[in-house]
Amino acid sequence: MRKIVFATNNAHKMEEVAAMLGNEYRLVTLRECGITEEIPENEPTIEGNALQKARYVHERTGADCFADDTGLEVDALGGAPGVHSARYATDGHDFEANMRLLLRNMEGKSDRRARFRTVIALILDGEEYVFEGVVEGRITEQPAGDHGFGYDPVFVPEGETETFAEMAPERKNAISHRGRAVRRFADFMRLYDARTEE
């Protein structure tokens, strides 16, 4: 079983990614590596943030590791909150405050188009790799559902009638931005490990 450090303190993300990666990998937490401080995320892009977090962990542990960063891009808000999605309303990860601010900023706007974008940055045997997943959708008028986290209660993916927060986790993982990025990442890992075992 390959061990790999996941540079997150978000238990929801850890569960989602572990379920999608399967039993051949064991995700190691930051705490297990002795990293308890906040990892910097001050790059101007989602990809930059993911790489910054992965490099931070790799420099301190030397271990194979990956990090992700996700942004919600809303057309009517010029792509905001984007790279600032987690800290849209406050400096902390206050999902409720972020959602309230987003809905307030969307009041009276007829264009509700938006997309979730996830980038995973992987450092494996000293090499860097990047995987992206995107899902198009729209912002609702009101939150609905109590699954998921972040902006899930106000985002309906294209072709669906429910928000991410109304969907069962397996359904969400099958179509979500993170699900798409993780599947690309997982496919790469399996191919990589198969090649190195030959």
C-alpha atoms as a PDB file:
ATOM      1  CA  MET A   1       0.000   0.000   0.000  1.00  0.00           C
ATOM      2  CA  ARG A   2       1.504   3.320  -1.068  1.00  0.00           C
ATOM      3  CA  LYS A   3       1.468   6.077   1.550  1.00  0.00           C
ATOM      4  CA  ILE A   4       1.017   9.621   0.315  1.00  0.00           C
ATOM      5  CA  VAL A   5       0.591  12.854   2.254  1.00  0.00           C
ATOM      6  CA  PHE A   6      -2.555  14.872   1.518  1.00  0.00           C
ATOM      7  CA  ALA A   7      -1.853  18.530   2.343  1.00  0.00           C
ATOM      8  CA  THR A   8      -5.219  19.370   3.890  1.00  0.00           C
ATOM      9  CA  ASN A   9      -6.787  19.766   7.314  1.00  0.00           C
ATOM     10  CA  ASN A  10     -10.278  19.405   5.840  1.00  0.00           C
ATOM     11  CA  ALA A  11     -11.759  16.112   7.072  1.00  0.00           C
ATOM     12  CA  HIS A  12     -14.538  16.228   4.413  1.00  0.00           C
ATOM     13  CA  LYS A  13     -11.948  16.416   1.618  1.00  0.00           C
ATOM     14  CA  MET A  14      -9.891  13.646   3.202  1.00  0.00           C
ATOM     15  CA  GLU A  15     -12.955  11.346   3.255  1.00  0.00           C
ATOM     16  CA  GLU A  16     -13.995  12.203  -0.310  1.00  0.00           C
ATOM     17  CA  VAL A  17     -10.532  11.638  -1.763  1.00  0.00           C
ATOM     18  CA  ALA A  18      -9.854   8.451   0.261  1.00  0.00           C
ATOM     19  CA  ALA A  19     -13.144   6.965  -0.987  1.00  0.00           C
ATOM     20  CA  MET A  20     -12.217   7.734  -4.609  1.00  0.00           C
ATOM     21  CA  LEU A  21      -8.595   6.543  -4.402  1.00  0.00           C
ATOM     22  CA  GLY A  22      -9.469   3.155  -2.936  1.00  0.00           C
ATOM     23  CA  ASN A  23      -7.610   0.711  -0.725  1.00  0.00           C
ATOM     24  CA  GLU A  24      -4.250   0.638  -2.495  1.00  0.00           C
ATOM     25  CA  TYR A  25      -3.350   4.042  -1.035  1.00  0.00           C
ATOM     26  CA  ARG A  26      -3.175   5.292   2.518  1.00  0.00           C
ATOM     27  CA  LEU A  27      -3.565   9.028   2.897  1.00  0.00           C
ATOM     28  CA  VAL A  28      -1.270  10.485   5.535  1.00  0.00           C
ATOM     29  CA  THR A  29      -2.488  13.584   7.338  1.00  0.00           C
ATOM     30  CA  LEU A  30      -0.470  16.738   7.943  1.00  0.00           C
ATOM     31  CA  ARG A  31      -0.694  16.130  11.680  1.00  0.00           C
ATOM     32  CA  GLU A  32       0.904  12.687  11.238  1.00  0.00           C
ATOM     33  CA  CYS A  33       3.823  14.457   9.499  1.00  0.00           C
ATOM     34  CA  GLY A  34       4.157  16.966  12.338  1.00  0.00           C
ATOM     35  CA  ILE A  35       2.823  19.896  10.284  1.00  0.00           C
ATOM     36  CA  THR A  36       0.350  21.744  12.486  1.00  0.00           C
ATOM     37  CA  GLU A  37       0.832  25.287  11.219  1.00  0.00           C
ATOM     38  CA  GLU A  38      -1.350  26.906   8.554  1.00  0.00           C
ATOM     39  CA  ILE A  39       0.144  26.242   5.106  1.00  0.00           C
ATOM     40  CA  PRO A  40       0.500  29.427   3.052  1.00  0.00           C
ATOM     41  CA  GLU A  41      -1.932  29.949   0.155  1.00  0.00           C
ATOM     42  CA  ASN A  42      -1.093  33.350  -1.304  1.00  0.00           C
ATOM     43  CA  GLU A  43      -0.610  32.656  -4.993  1.00  0.00           C
ATOM     44  CA  PRO A  44      -2.826  34.544  -7.489  1.00  0.00           C
ATOM     45  CA  THR A  45      -4.158  31.365  -9.144  1.00  0.00           C
ATOM     46  CA  ILE A  46      -5.790  28.110  -8.034  1.00  0.00           C
ATOM     47  CA  GLU A  47      -2.984  26.101  -9.664  1.00  0.00           C
ATOM     48  CA  GLY A  48      -0.374  28.282  -7.940  1.00  0.00           C
ATOM     49  CA  ASN A  49      -1.959  27.689  -4.538  1.00  0.00           C
ATOM     50  CA  ALA A  50      -2.088  23.914  -5.029  1.00  0.00           C
ATOM     51  CA  LEU A  51       1.585  23.837  -6.055  1.00  0.00           C
ATOM     52  CA  GLN A  52       2.583  26.132  -3.182  1.00  0.00           C
ATOM     53  CA  LYS A  53       0.931  23.822  -0.635  1.00  0.00           C
ATOM     54  CA  ALA A  54       2.436  20.642  -2.119  1.00  0.00           C
ATOM     55  CA  ARG A  55       5.930  22.198  -2.251  1.00  0.00           C
ATOM     56  CA  TYR A  56       5.613  23.393   1.352  1.00  0.00           C
ATOM     57  CA  VAL A  57       4.867  19.848   2.563  1.00  0.00           C
ATOM     58  CA  HIS A  58       7.484  18.225   0.335  1.00  0.00           C
ATOM     59  CA  GLU A  59      10.218  20.619   1.495  1.00  0.00           C
ATOM     60  CA  ARG A  60       9.491  19.791   5.133  1.00  0.00           C
ATOM     61  CA  THR A  61       8.929  16.024   4.861  1.00  0.00           C
ATOM     62  CA  GLY A  62      10.590  14.829   1.652  1.00  0.00           C
ATOM     63  CA  ALA A  63       7.524  12.603   1.245  1.00  0.00           C
ATOM     64  CA  ASP A  64       5.390  12.020  -1.830  1.00  0.00           C
ATOM     65  CA  CYS A  65       2.486  14.397  -1.373  1.00  0.00           C
ATOM     66  CA  PHE A  66      -0.353  16.203  -3.070  1.00  0.00           C
ATOM     67  CA  ALA A  67      -2.457  19.269  -2.411  1.00  0.00           C
ATOM     68  CA  ASP A  68      -5.587  20.613  -3.963  1.00  0.00           C
ATOM     69  CA  ASP A  69      -7.132  24.017  -4.323  1.00  0.00           C
ATOM     70  CA  THR A  70     -10.664  24.736  -5.437  1.00  0.00           C
ATOM     71  CA  GLY A  71     -12.361  27.901  -6.556  1.00  0.00           C
ATOM     72  CA  LEU A  72     -15.907  28.844  -7.449  1.00  0.00           C
ATOM     73  CA  GLU A  73     -15.954  31.175 -10.470  1.00  0.00           C
ATOM     74  CA  VAL A  74     -19.171  33.140 -10.985  1.00  0.00           C
ATOM     75  CA  ASP A  75     -19.609  34.828 -14.373  1.00  0.00           C
ATOM     76  CA  ALA A  76     -21.763  37.712 -13.114  1.00  0.00           C
ATOM     77  CA  LEU A  77     -19.094  38.530 -10.504  1.00  0.00           C
ATOM     78  CA  GLY A  78     -16.225  38.600 -13.002  1.00  0.00           C
ATOM     79  CA  GLY A  79     -14.966  35.169 -11.921  1.00  0.00           C
ATOM     80  CA  ALA A  80     -15.106  35.913  -8.173  1.00  0.00           C
ATOM     81  CA  PRO A  81     -14.704  34.525  -5.588  1.00  0.00           C
ATOM     82  CA  GLY A  82     -12.225  32.357  -7.568  1.00  0.00           C
ATOM     83  CA  VAL A  83      -8.892  31.913  -5.812  1.00  0.00           C
ATOM     84  CA  HIS A  84     -10.367  33.667  -2.743  1.00  0.00           C
ATOM     85  CA  SER A  85     -13.283  31.210  -2.397  1.00  0.00           C
ATOM     86  CA  ALA A  86     -12.298  29.860   1.047  1.00  0.00           C
ATOM     87  CA  ARG A  87     -11.705  33.358   2.446  1.00  0.00           C
ATOM     88  CA  TYR A  88     -14.355  35.287   0.533  1.00  0.00           C
ATOM     89  CA  ALA A  89     -16.130  36.794   3.553  1.00  0.00           C
ATOM     90  CA  THR A  90     -13.547  36.395   6.335  1.00  0.00           C
ATOM     91  CA  ASP A  91      -9.920  35.373   6.887  1.00  0.00           C
ATOM     92  CA  GLY A  92     -11.083  32.003   8.240  1.00  0.00           C
ATOM     93  CA  HIS A  93     -12.844  29.199   6.374  1.00  0.00           C
ATOM     94  CA  ASP A  94     -16.337  30.384   7.370  1.00  0.00           C
ATOM     95  CA  PHE A  95     -18.476  28.582   4.783  1.00  0.00           C
ATOM     96  CA  GLU A  96     -21.754  30.052   6.033  1.00  0.00           C
ATOM     97  CA  ALA A  97     -20.460  33.636   5.841  1.00  0.00           C
ATOM     98  CA  ASN A  98     -18.983  32.986   2.376  1.00  0.00           C
ATOM     99  CA  MET A  99     -22.294  31.634   1.106  1.00  0.00           C
ATOM    100  CA  ARG A 100     -24.287  34.539   2.555  1.00  0.00           C
ATOM    101  CA  LEU A 101     -21.947  37.080   0.940  1.00  0.00           C
ATOM    102  CA  LEU A 102     -22.130  35.284  -2.416  1.00  0.00           C
ATOM    103  CA  LEU A 103     -25.946  35.241  -2.399  1.00  0.00           C
ATOM    104  CA  ARG A 104     -26.024  38.907  -1.370  1.00  0.00           C
ATOM    105  CA  ASN A 105     -23.692  39.808  -4.250  1.00  0.00           C
ATOM    106  CA  MET A 106     -25.870  37.818  -6.647  1.00  0.00           C
ATOM    107  CA  GLU A 107     -29.123  39.577  -5.702  1.00  0.00           C
ATOM    108  CA  GLY A 108     -30.925  40.849  -8.802  1.00  0.00           C
ATOM    109  CA  LYS A 109     -28.510  39.155 -11.218  1.00  0.00           C
ATOM    110  CA  SER A 110     -30.158  37.064 -13.939  1.00  0.00           C
ATOM    111  CA  ASP A 111     -26.914  35.465 -15.150  1.00  0.00           C
ATOM    112  CA  ARG A 112     -26.340  32.721 -12.555  1.00  0.00           C
ATOM    113  CA  ARG A 113     -23.705  30.754 -14.513  1.00  0.00           C
ATOM    114  CA  ALA A 114     -20.738  29.491 -12.491  1.00  0.00           C
ATOM    115  CA  ARG A 115     -18.171  26.734 -12.381  1.00  0.00           C
ATOM    116  CA  PHE A 116     -16.206  24.893  -9.746  1.00  0.00           C
ATOM    117  CA  ARG A 117     -12.559  24.323 -10.603  1.00  0.00           C
ATOM    118  CA  THR A 118     -10.252  21.978  -8.660  1.00  0.00           C
ATOM    119  CA  VAL A 119      -6.529  21.646  -9.273  1.00  0.00           C
ATOM    120  CA  ILE A 120      -4.473  18.857  -7.687  1.00  0.00           C
ATOM    121  CA  ALA A 121      -0.709  19.321  -7.507  1.00  0.00           C
ATOM    122  CA  LEU A 122       1.275  16.119  -6.966  1.00  0.00           C
ATOM    123  CA  ILE A 123       4.943  15.732  -6.064  1.00  0.00           C
ATOM    124  CA  LEU A 124       5.962  12.132  -6.706  1.00  0.00           C
ATOM    125  CA  ASP A 125       9.577  10.939  -6.614  1.00  0.00           C
ATOM    126  CA  GLY A 126      10.612  14.606  -6.772  1.00  0.00           C
ATOM    127  CA  GLU A 127       8.621  15.408  -9.955  1.00  0.00           C
ATOM    128  CA  GLU A 128       5.630  17.773 -10.111  1.00  0.00           C
ATOM    129  CA  TYR A 129       2.343  16.949 -11.860  1.00  0.00           C
ATOM    130  CA  VAL A 130      -0.931  18.898 -12.103  1.00  0.00           C
ATOM    131  CA  PHE A 131      -4.490  17.589 -12.656  1.00  0.00           C
ATOM    132  CA  GLU A 132      -7.628  19.699 -13.137  1.00  0.00           C
ATOM    133  CA  GLY A 133     -11.351  19.043 -12.846  1.00  0.00           C
ATOM    134  CA  VAL A 134     -14.079  21.520 -13.814  1.00  0.00           C
ATOM    135  CA  VAL A 135     -17.865  21.336 -13.516  1.00  0.00           C
ATOM    136  CA  GLU A 136     -20.193  23.949 -15.011  1.00  0.00           C
ATOM    137  CA  GLY A 137     -23.428  24.920 -13.295  1.00  0.00           C
ATOM    138  CA  ARG A 138     -25.394  27.762 -11.766  1.00  0.00           C
ATOM    139  CA  ILE A 139     -25.887  29.571  -8.461  1.00  0.00           C
ATOM    140  CA  THR A 140     -29.276  29.101  -6.792  1.00  0.00           C
ATOM    141  CA  GLU A 141     -31.334  31.826  -5.108  1.00  0.00           C
ATOM    142  CA  GLN A 142     -31.386  29.968  -1.770  1.00  0.00           C
ATOM    143  CA  PRO A 143     -29.211  27.279  -0.125  1.00  0.00           C
ATOM    144  CA  ALA A 144     -30.592  23.728  -0.223  1.00  0.00           C
ATOM    145  CA  GLY A 145     -29.314  20.455   1.225  1.00  0.00           C
ATOM    146  CA  ASP A 146     -27.061  19.497   4.114  1.00  0.00           C
ATOM    147  CA  HIS A 147     -24.454  17.204   2.535  1.00  0.00           C
ATOM    148  CA  GLY A 148     -21.048  18.394   1.363  1.00  0.00           C
ATOM    149  CA  PHE A 149     -19.401  21.628   2.441  1.00  0.00           C
ATOM    150  CA  GLY A 150     -18.390  25.049   1.185  1.00  0.00           C
ATOM    151  CA  TYR A 151     -20.655  26.419  -1.549  1.00  0.00           C
ATOM    152  CA  ASP A 152     -22.319  23.038  -2.224  1.00  0.00           C
ATOM    153  CA  PRO A 153     -25.776  24.197  -1.005  1.00  0.00           C
ATOM    154  CA  VAL A 154     -25.950  27.002  -3.625  1.00  0.00           C
ATOM    155  CA  PHE A 155     -24.474  25.232  -6.674  1.00  0.00           C
ATOM    156  CA  VAL A 156     -26.498  23.132  -9.137  1.00  0.00           C
ATOM    157  CA  PRO A 157     -24.332  21.318 -11.719  1.00  0.00           C
ATOM    158  CA  GLU A 158     -25.279  21.540 -15.391  1.00  0.00           C
ATOM    159  CA  GLY A 159     -27.950  18.994 -16.338  1.00  0.00           C
ATOM    160  CA  GLU A 160     -29.013  18.446 -12.692  1.00  0.00           C
ATOM    161  CA  THR A 161     -31.908  19.720 -10.589  1.00  0.00           C
ATOM    162  CA  GLU A 162     -30.324  19.310  -7.141  1.00  0.00           C
ATOM    163  CA  THR A 163     -27.511  21.229  -5.482  1.00  0.00           C
ATOM    164  CA  PHE A 164     -24.326  19.345  -4.602  1.00  0.00           C
ATOM    165  CA  ALA A 165     -25.471  19.514  -0.959  1.00  0.00           C
ATOM    166  CA  GLU A 166     -28.716  17.682  -1.793  1.00  0.00           C
ATOM    167  CA  MET A 167     -26.932  14.803  -3.520  1.00  0.00           C
ATOM    168  CA  ALA A 168     -25.727  11.602  -1.881  1.00  0.00           C
ATOM    169  CA  PRO A 169     -21.910  11.690  -1.581  1.00  0.00           C
ATOM    170  CA  GLU A 170     -21.438   8.950  -4.221  1.00  0.00           C
ATOM    171  CA  ARG A 171     -23.560  10.900  -6.708  1.00  0.00           C
ATOM    172  CA  LYS A 172     -21.675  14.125  -6.049  1.00  0.00           C
ATOM    173  CA  ASN A 173     -18.282  12.398  -6.338  1.00  0.00           C
ATOM    174  CA  ALA A 174     -19.292  10.908  -9.686  1.00  0.00           C
ATOM    175  CA  ILE A 175     -19.800  14.328 -11.305  1.00  0.00           C
ATOM    176  CA  SER A 176     -17.982  16.890  -9.155  1.00  0.00           C
ATOM    177  CA  HIS A 177     -14.941  18.990 -10.034  1.00  0.00           C
ATOM    178  CA  ARG A 178     -12.938  17.342  -7.245  1.00  0.00           C
ATOM    179  CA  GLY A 179     -14.156  13.919  -8.395  1.00  0.00           C
ATOM    180  CA  ARG A 180     -12.940  14.627 -11.930  1.00  0.00           C
ATOM    181  CA  ALA A 181      -9.550  15.903 -10.743  1.00  0.00           C
ATOM    182  CA  VAL A 182      -9.115  12.994  -8.302  1.00  0.00           C
ATOM    183  CA  ARG A 183      -9.981  10.414 -10.973  1.00  0.00           C
ATOM    184  CA  ARG A 184      -7.311  11.891 -13.276  1.00  0.00           C
ATOM    185  CA  PHE A 185      -4.866  11.878 -10.376  1.00  0.00           C
ATOM    186  CA  ALA A 186      -5.808   8.291  -9.352  1.00  0.00           C
ATOM    187  CA  ASP A 187      -5.544   6.995 -12.941  1.00  0.00           C
ATOM    188  CA  PHE A 188      -2.101   8.568 -13.205  1.00  0.00           C
ATOM    189  CA  MET A 189      -0.982   7.036  -9.885  1.00  0.00           C
ATOM    190  CA  ARG A 190      -2.108   3.538 -10.901  1.00  0.00           C
ATOM    191  CA  LEU A 191      -0.340   3.793 -14.265  1.00  0.00           C
ATOM    192  CA  TYR A 192       2.780   5.195 -12.607  1.00  0.00           C
ATOM    193  CA  ASP A 193       2.863   2.430  -9.992  1.00  0.00           C
ATOM    194  CA  ALA A 194       2.204  -0.251 -12.608  1.00  0.00           C
ATOM    195  CA  ARG A 195       5.115   1.038 -14.713  1.00  0.00           C
ATOM    196  CA  THR A 196       7.521   1.193 -11.783  1.00  0.00           C
ATOM    197  CA  GLU A 197       6.656  -2.387 -10.787  1.00  0.00           C
ATOM    198  CA  GLU A 198       7.482  -3.772 -14.266  1.00  0.00           C
END
